Amino acid sequence: MLVEAKNLCVERSGASILHDINLEVDHGEVVALLGANGSGKSTLLHALVGLIPISAGSVELCAGHDGQTGIALVPQFAPPVSLIPLTVFELVATGLTTKRSVLGLTRKQRGQIRDAIDQVGLNSKSTEKYSSLSGGQLRRALIARALVADAELLLLDEPLTGLDRESIKTVVELMARLRASGHSMIVVSHELADLENLFTRVIELNNRKVTYDGVPLARHKHEAHHHDYQLIAPDLGLLP
C-alpha cells in the first residue's frame, strides 16, 4: 500500500467539499479519478499530498516514505511566469525535497535534476525559460519536477488538458514508461480515450463521496470516446 485515506473530509468556510472518502492505492496501480466539475477531484489530490488541510479522517503513506518523498503532485498549471521566471532546470529543482547547502545545489542534487529532465526528454530545453515551452513540454517539465522528489506515487491533475494531438501522444507515452518503471499514479483526466490502456482501476466522485471504486467498465470506455459523460468533465479549479 502506497497511500490510504480513511474517512477523509475537507471543509471550506464551513461547507463540506469532500465527505468520508475511503481509498487506497497499492504498488503498480494506475487509477483514473473521475467526477463532474466541482466534485472535488483536484481537492482530493491536494489533500492527499498535504497541500490543503483535512477536517477529519487521516491520510497514511507507505512505511519508508514520508509526505515529501513518497508522493508528489503534478499540477495542471505551472507557477505564474510573471512571478517566477525560472528556467526548466530551476523549475524542476523546486521539486527537490532535500535541503540545499548554503552554497546552493549539491553535486548530487544537480545530478538528480539532470536525470529527471532526461527521463522526460527535455535535455535540450533545460537552460530555457519554462515560459517558452509548448503545452506538452511544460507538462513533461512538471512531471520531471515530481520525479526529482523520488516519489513512487504521482498525482497527475489533468495531464492532457489543452494539449494538441502530438503532445498528447508524447505525454501518454511518457506515462506508460513511468508505469513500466514501477511508478504508481492517480490521474484526474477526462481524456480516457487516450489513457484507458494505462488504467488498472477507476474511482468516481459524486456529491462529495466515492460512488464507484473498481475495474474500468465498458461504459467508461464508451462514454470517454464520445466525450459526453458528465462524470468525466474537466475540473480546472482546486475547489468547487
Foldseek 3Di string as FASTA:
>chain_A
DFKWWAQWWADDPNHTQAGGETDDDDWLAAEEEWFFAQLQPLLVLCPQLPNDDTPDTDMDGDPPDDSLQAEDELELDDPDCVVPQDFLLVSLLVLAPDDDDPVGHDPVLSVLSCVLCVLLPNNVRRGPGLVPDDSLSNSSSSVSSNVSSNYQEYEYAASPPPDDPVSLVSVLVSVVVSSVVTHYYYYQALQCLSNVVPHQWYWFGDPNYTPDTGGDDPCSNVCSVVVPDSRNDHHNDNHD
